[in-house]
Amino acid sequence: MESLRAFRALGQPRGQAEALAGLAAVTADARTASSTRLAAQWWGTAAAIHAAQRTPVWPANQAETARYQMIARDTIGSPAFDAAYAEGAACALEEVVAEALDM
């Protein structure tokens, strides 16, 4: 959370996306339907920011993200994961970060 707060204060979208993706991994590891759906939304938002900024996910984070996304897919199923991911991708970063920090 602290890194998300710091990147938000700096107005740094890529850092916010990376921090959000990290929080998504931790959230998905809880392996409940609600936490996993939220994680998928956060990954969707992070991916949309990376695409908009034309910044790739750091190579060191790619394998970890894939591993936790597999856990998420196993928990809620691919259709539910894909729907939540798409929902997150359509959300504004500022809105998602504000909600994440309020948790």
Protein backbone atom coordinates (compact mmCIF):
# COMPACT_ATOMS: atom_id res chain seq x y z
CA MET A 1 0.00 0.00 0.00
CA GLU A 2 2.79 2.42 0.80
CA SER A 3 4.29 2.16 -2.67
CA LEU A 4 0.85 2.74 -4.20
CA ARG A 5 0.43 5.84 -2.02
CA ALA A 6 3.89 7.10 -2.95
CA PHE A 7 3.44 6.60 -6.70
CA ARG A 8 0.02 8.24 -6.48
CA ALA A 9 1.52 11.25 -4.70
CA LEU A 10 4.17 11.50 -7.43
CA GLY A 11 1.54 11.21 -10.15
CA GLN A 12 3.44 8.28 -11.64
CA PRO A 13 0.99 6.00 -13.55
CA ARG A 14 3.47 3.21 -14.28
CA GLY A 15 4.45 2.94 -10.64
CA GLN A 16 0.81 2.89 -9.63
CA ALA A 17 0.12 0.13 -12.15
CA GLU A 18 3.04 -1.94 -10.85
CA ALA A 19 1.98 -1.46 -7.24
CA LEU A 20 -1.62 -2.32 -8.10
CA ALA A 21 -0.49 -5.50 -9.85
CA GLY A 22 1.53 -6.46 -6.77
CA LEU A 23 -1.48 -5.91 -4.54
CA ALA A 24 -3.53 -8.00 -6.94
CA ALA A 25 -1.15 -10.93 -6.49
CA VAL A 26 -1.40 -10.75 -2.71
CA THR A 27 -5.18 -10.41 -2.94
CA ALA A 28 -5.51 -13.37 -5.33
CA ASP A 29 -3.45 -15.53 -3.01
CA ALA A 30 -6.30 -15.35 -0.47
CA ARG A 31 -8.14 -17.67 -2.91
CA THR A 32 -11.65 -16.50 -2.19
CA ALA A 33 -14.04 -15.63 -4.99
CA SER A 34 -14.42 -12.00 -3.93
CA SER A 35 -10.71 -11.36 -3.41
CA THR A 36 -9.81 -13.10 -6.65
CA ARG A 37 -12.37 -11.12 -8.64
CA LEU A 38 -10.97 -7.89 -7.18
CA ALA A 39 -7.44 -9.00 -8.07
CA ALA A 40 -8.49 -9.63 -11.67
CA GLN A 41 -10.00 -6.15 -11.83
CA TRP A 42 -6.78 -4.62 -10.54
CA TRP A 43 -4.71 -6.54 -13.08
CA GLY A 44 -7.03 -5.28 -15.80
CA THR A 45 -6.56 -1.69 -14.67
CA ALA A 46 -2.79 -2.14 -14.44
CA ALA A 47 -2.65 -3.66 -17.94
CA ALA A 48 -4.69 -0.81 -19.38
CA ILE A 49 -2.32 1.73 -17.83
CA HIS A 50 0.73 -0.10 -19.21
CA ALA A 51 -0.90 -0.13 -22.66
CA ALA A 52 -1.84 3.56 -22.50
CA GLN A 53 1.62 4.55 -21.30
CA ARG A 54 3.31 2.12 -23.72
CA THR A 55 5.28 0.66 -20.83
CA PRO A 56 5.82 -3.07 -20.53
CA VAL A 57 5.51 -4.96 -17.29
CA TRP A 58 8.98 -5.34 -15.82
CA PRO A 59 10.38 -8.70 -16.98
CA ALA A 60 11.04 -9.74 -13.39
CA ASN A 61 7.34 -9.29 -12.60
CA GLN A 62 5.96 -11.11 -15.65
CA ALA A 63 6.47 -14.66 -14.31
CA GLU A 64 5.05 -13.79 -10.89
CA THR A 65 2.03 -12.10 -12.44
CA ALA A 66 1.40 -15.13 -14.65
CA ARG A 67 1.68 -17.46 -11.65
CA TYR A 68 -0.81 -15.52 -9.55
CA GLN A 69 -3.17 -15.04 -12.46
CA MET A 70 -3.21 -18.83 -12.87
CA ILE A 71 -4.17 -19.13 -9.20
CA ALA A 72 -6.94 -16.59 -9.80
CA ARG A 73 -8.22 -18.45 -12.87
CA ASP A 74 -8.22 -21.71 -10.92
CA THR A 75 -10.18 -20.05 -8.11
CA ILE A 76 -12.96 -18.36 -10.07
CA GLY A 77 -12.64 -19.83 -13.56
CA SER A 78 -11.43 -18.21 -16.73
CA PRO A 79 -14.77 -16.67 -17.80
CA ALA A 80 -15.20 -14.87 -14.46
CA PHE A 81 -11.54 -13.84 -14.44
CA ASP A 82 -11.76 -12.46 -17.98
CA ALA A 83 -14.95 -10.52 -17.18
CA ALA A 84 -13.44 -8.97 -14.04
CA TYR A 85 -10.19 -8.19 -15.88
CA ALA A 86 -12.13 -6.42 -18.65
CA GLU A 87 -14.13 -4.50 -16.07
CA GLY A 88 -10.93 -3.32 -14.43
CA ALA A 89 -9.40 -2.36 -17.77
CA ALA A 90 -12.35 -0.04 -18.39
CA CYS A 91 -11.93 1.80 -15.07
CA ALA A 92 -9.94 4.97 -14.51
CA LEU A 93 -6.68 4.48 -12.63
CA GLU A 94 -7.46 7.29 -10.17
CA GLU A 95 -10.76 5.68 -9.20
CA VAL A 96 -9.27 2.21 -8.74
CA VAL A 97 -6.31 3.47 -6.73
CA ALA A 98 -8.57 5.53 -4.46
CA GLU A 99 -10.75 2.47 -3.79
CA ALA A 100 -7.72 0.25 -3.16
CA LEU A 101 -6.29 2.73 -0.67
CA ASP A 102 -9.61 2.93 1.17
CA MET A 103 -9.60 -0.80 1.85
